[in-house]
Amino acid sequence: MAKILIIQGHPDGAERHLCHALADAYAEGAQDGGHSVSLLELARMDIPFLTSQKEQEEGVVGPAISEAQDLIRAADHIVFVFPLWLGEMPALLKAFFEQVARPGFAYDLGGSPLRSGLLRGKSARVVITMGMPAFVYRLYYGSHSLKAMKIGILRFVGIAPIRSTLIGMVGAKRFDGGSWLDEMLRLGRMAR
């Protein structure tokens, strides 16, 4: 049995989107598989933007970020679900990473840059929705923002392995959301 944390990174908390349905399907599959599930919905959290390196390294985190750190600390597997916006993760998710991945929690300031991660022993899945075909994102854009997230954030803090699911053509007339929900159920059952 794995402890799974799902981080819903869609910044719109006013209405439900495909990202919400995907996260719910993953959670349902995980619970069916006997895993415990926690959910963080970033749009419902107070996540201020950092404005200096000093604030990131020495500033005090607020209660919402402290609670998120506790959930991350307790998790075996973390699932990130978000839409691709202007080729990147939404600003709210980036602000969350900057707030939560603090020295002493996510990495050691005095350690080697390649081995400073303090969140070793955790795995992750990154689920990204996008309007373009996923193969275009992979081939033409080189999955650059996914690579940056995997290497510059998740691996840096020690999380591995990191798997990804890219869901393209969202909003197209022929988009088959049902098959993606089934895939999330399957992945959730396996905690992958």
Protein backbone atom coordinates (compact mmCIF):
# COMPACT_ATOMS: atom_id res chain seq x y z
CA MET A 1 0.00 0.00 0.00
CA ALA A 2 1.40 3.37 -1.04
CA LYS A 3 0.69 6.82 0.35
CA ILE A 4 -0.19 8.93 -2.67
CA LEU A 5 -0.38 12.72 -2.84
CA ILE A 6 -2.17 14.23 -5.84
CA ILE A 7 -1.30 17.86 -6.51
CA GLN A 8 -4.00 19.44 -8.68
CA GLY A 9 -2.19 22.29 -10.42
CA HIS A 10 -4.99 23.77 -12.51
CA PRO A 11 -5.16 27.40 -11.39
CA ASP A 12 -8.91 27.81 -11.97
CA GLY A 13 -10.74 26.86 -8.77
CA ALA A 14 -14.06 28.35 -9.89
CA GLU A 15 -15.04 25.48 -12.16
CA ARG A 16 -14.03 21.90 -12.91
CA HIS A 17 -11.77 21.07 -15.83
CA LEU A 18 -10.35 17.94 -17.40
CA CYS A 19 -7.44 18.12 -14.96
CA HIS A 20 -9.88 17.74 -12.07
CA ALA A 21 -11.52 14.69 -13.66
CA LEU A 22 -8.10 13.12 -14.33
CA ALA A 23 -7.00 13.66 -10.72
CA ASP A 24 -10.30 12.25 -9.43
CA ALA A 25 -9.96 9.17 -11.65
CA TYR A 26 -6.39 8.57 -10.45
CA ALA A 27 -7.55 8.93 -6.83
CA GLU A 28 -10.44 6.51 -7.40
CA GLY A 29 -8.13 3.94 -8.97
CA ALA A 30 -5.61 4.33 -6.14
CA GLN A 31 -8.26 3.84 -3.47
CA ASP A 32 -9.59 0.78 -5.35
CA GLY A 33 -6.02 -0.53 -5.31
CA GLY A 34 -5.82 -0.17 -1.53
CA HIS A 35 -3.62 2.92 -1.49
CA SER A 36 -4.22 5.97 0.70
CA VAL A 37 -4.75 9.26 -1.13
CA SER A 38 -4.38 12.92 -0.18
CA LEU A 39 -5.23 15.82 -2.49
CA LEU A 40 -3.83 19.34 -2.68
CA GLU A 41 -5.78 21.73 -4.89
CA LEU A 42 -3.46 24.66 -5.52
CA ALA A 43 -6.25 27.00 -6.68
CA ARG A 44 -7.72 26.80 -3.17
CA MET A 45 -4.46 27.58 -1.37
CA ASP A 46 -2.80 30.85 -0.42
CA ILE A 47 0.45 30.71 -2.40
CA PRO A 48 2.32 34.02 -2.45
CA PHE A 49 5.01 34.66 -5.04
CA LEU A 50 8.59 34.84 -3.83
CA THR A 51 10.51 37.96 -4.74
CA SER A 52 14.08 37.21 -3.64
CA GLN A 53 16.54 34.38 -3.16
CA LYS A 54 16.95 35.42 0.46
CA GLU A 55 13.20 34.99 1.03
CA GLN A 56 13.32 31.53 -0.58
CA GLU A 57 16.32 30.40 1.47
CA GLU A 58 15.55 32.05 4.81
CA GLY A 59 11.89 33.12 4.82
CA VAL A 60 9.20 31.52 6.93
CA VAL A 61 6.62 29.44 5.10
CA GLY A 62 2.92 30.08 5.69
CA PRO A 63 0.52 27.49 7.11
CA ALA A 64 -0.71 26.25 3.71
CA ILE A 65 2.84 25.60 2.50
CA SER A 66 3.81 23.99 5.80
CA GLU A 67 0.83 21.63 5.49
CA ALA A 68 1.83 20.86 1.89
CA GLN A 69 5.36 20.02 3.05
CA ASP A 70 3.91 17.62 5.64
CA LEU A 71 1.85 15.88 2.95
CA ILE A 72 4.86 15.65 0.63
CA ARG A 73 7.04 14.32 3.45
CA ALA A 74 4.48 11.58 4.20
CA ALA A 75 3.92 10.57 0.55
CA ASP A 76 5.56 7.67 -1.24
CA HIS A 77 4.28 8.75 -4.66
CA ILE A 78 3.31 12.25 -5.87
CA VAL A 79 1.08 12.92 -8.87
CA PHE A 80 1.09 16.38 -10.49
CA VAL A 81 -1.83 17.24 -12.81
CA PHE A 82 -1.88 20.53 -14.72
CA PRO A 83 -2.51 22.14 -18.12
CA LEU A 84 0.28 23.39 -20.36
CA TRP A 85 -0.02 27.19 -20.52
CA LEU A 86 2.18 29.14 -22.94
CA GLY A 87 4.50 26.15 -23.13
CA GLU A 88 5.01 25.88 -19.37
CA MET A 89 3.33 24.97 -16.12
CA PRO A 90 0.88 27.63 -14.88
CA ALA A 91 2.47 30.37 -12.74
CA LEU A 92 0.56 29.15 -9.68
CA LEU A 93 2.26 25.74 -9.84
CA LYS A 94 5.67 27.37 -10.28
CA ALA A 95 5.00 29.60 -7.27
CA PHE A 96 4.02 26.49 -5.29
CA PHE A 97 7.31 24.78 -6.17
CA GLU A 98 9.28 27.89 -5.20
CA GLN A 99 7.48 28.07 -1.85
CA VAL A 100 7.45 24.38 -0.95
CA ALA A 101 10.93 23.36 -2.16
CA ARG A 102 12.85 25.19 0.55
CA PRO A 103 16.35 24.41 1.84
CA GLY A 104 16.24 22.04 4.79
CA PHE A 105 13.04 20.47 3.50
CA ALA A 106 13.65 19.68 -0.18
CA TYR A 107 17.39 20.14 -0.55
CA ASP A 108 20.57 20.77 1.43
CA LEU A 109 22.19 24.14 0.68
CA GLY A 110 25.60 22.82 1.74
CA GLY A 111 25.40 19.61 -0.28
CA SER A 112 26.61 18.77 -3.74
CA PRO A 113 24.28 20.23 -6.40
CA LEU A 114 23.88 16.74 -7.88
CA ARG A 115 23.17 14.99 -4.58
CA SER A 116 21.53 17.60 -2.37
CA GLY A 117 17.95 16.30 -2.62
CA LEU A 118 16.24 15.50 0.67
CA LEU A 119 13.11 13.89 -0.81
CA ARG A 120 14.74 10.64 -1.93
CA GLY A 121 12.61 7.51 -1.82
CA LYS A 122 9.59 9.14 -3.48
CA SER A 123 8.38 8.59 -7.03
CA ALA A 124 6.27 10.89 -9.20
CA ARG A 125 3.94 11.01 -12.17
CA VAL A 126 3.47 14.25 -14.12
CA VAL A 127 0.20 14.52 -16.06
CA ILE A 128 0.04 17.43 -18.51
CA THR A 129 -2.93 18.36 -20.67
CA MET A 130 -2.49 20.49 -23.79
CA GLY A 131 -4.34 21.72 -26.85
CA MET A 132 -1.65 20.66 -29.33
CA PRO A 133 -0.97 17.04 -30.23
CA ALA A 134 1.30 15.46 -27.61
CA PHE A 135 3.70 14.24 -30.32
CA VAL A 136 4.20 17.85 -31.47
CA TYR A 137 5.07 18.84 -27.89
CA ARG A 138 7.54 15.93 -27.73
CA LEU A 139 9.14 16.24 -31.17
CA TYR A 140 8.96 19.93 -32.09
CA TYR A 141 9.22 21.46 -28.60
CA GLY A 142 11.35 18.66 -27.16
CA SER A 143 9.08 18.44 -24.08
CA HIS A 144 11.27 21.25 -22.76
CA SER A 145 9.07 22.29 -19.84
CA LEU A 146 8.53 18.69 -18.76
CA LYS A 147 12.29 18.08 -18.89
CA ALA A 148 12.91 21.24 -16.87
CA MET A 149 10.43 20.10 -14.23
CA LYS A 150 11.85 16.59 -14.08
CA ILE A 151 15.51 17.60 -13.91
CA GLY A 152 15.49 21.09 -12.42
CA ILE A 153 12.87 20.48 -9.73
CA LEU A 154 11.92 16.86 -9.06
CA ARG A 155 15.26 15.08 -9.55
CA PHE A 156 17.07 18.01 -7.91
CA VAL A 157 15.10 17.39 -4.70
CA GLY A 158 15.70 13.62 -4.96
CA ILE A 159 12.40 12.37 -6.41
CA ALA A 160 12.83 9.41 -8.77
CA PRO A 161 11.63 7.64 -10.81
CA ILE A 162 9.50 10.23 -12.58
CA ARG A 163 6.98 9.08 -15.15
CA SER A 164 4.85 11.29 -17.37
CA THR A 165 1.53 11.25 -19.18
CA LEU A 166 1.02 13.82 -21.94
CA ILE A 167 -2.59 14.33 -23.04
CA GLY A 168 -2.87 16.28 -26.28
CA MET A 169 -5.67 17.64 -28.42
CA VAL A 170 -7.79 18.58 -25.42
CA GLY A 171 -10.81 20.46 -26.68
CA ALA A 172 -10.68 18.88 -30.16
CA LYS A 173 -13.94 17.44 -31.49
CA ARG A 174 -12.51 13.93 -31.56
CA PHE A 175 -10.86 14.08 -28.14
CA ASP A 176 -11.59 10.88 -26.19
CA GLY A 177 -11.51 11.93 -22.55
CA GLY A 178 -13.05 8.64 -21.42
CA SER A 179 -10.00 6.62 -22.45
CA TRP A 180 -7.73 8.99 -20.50
CA LEU A 181 -9.92 8.65 -17.40
CA ASP A 182 -9.64 4.86 -17.75
CA GLU A 183 -5.86 5.22 -18.02
CA MET A 184 -5.76 7.31 -14.84
CA LEU A 185 -7.84 4.67 -13.03
CA ARG A 186 -5.36 2.01 -14.15
CA LEU A 187 -2.30 4.03 -13.13
CA GLY A 188 -3.89 4.88 -9.78
CA ARG A 189 -4.54 1.21 -8.96
CA MET A 190 -0.84 0.50 -9.57
CA ALA A 191 0.36 3.68 -7.80
CA ARG A 192 2.43 4.55 -10.87
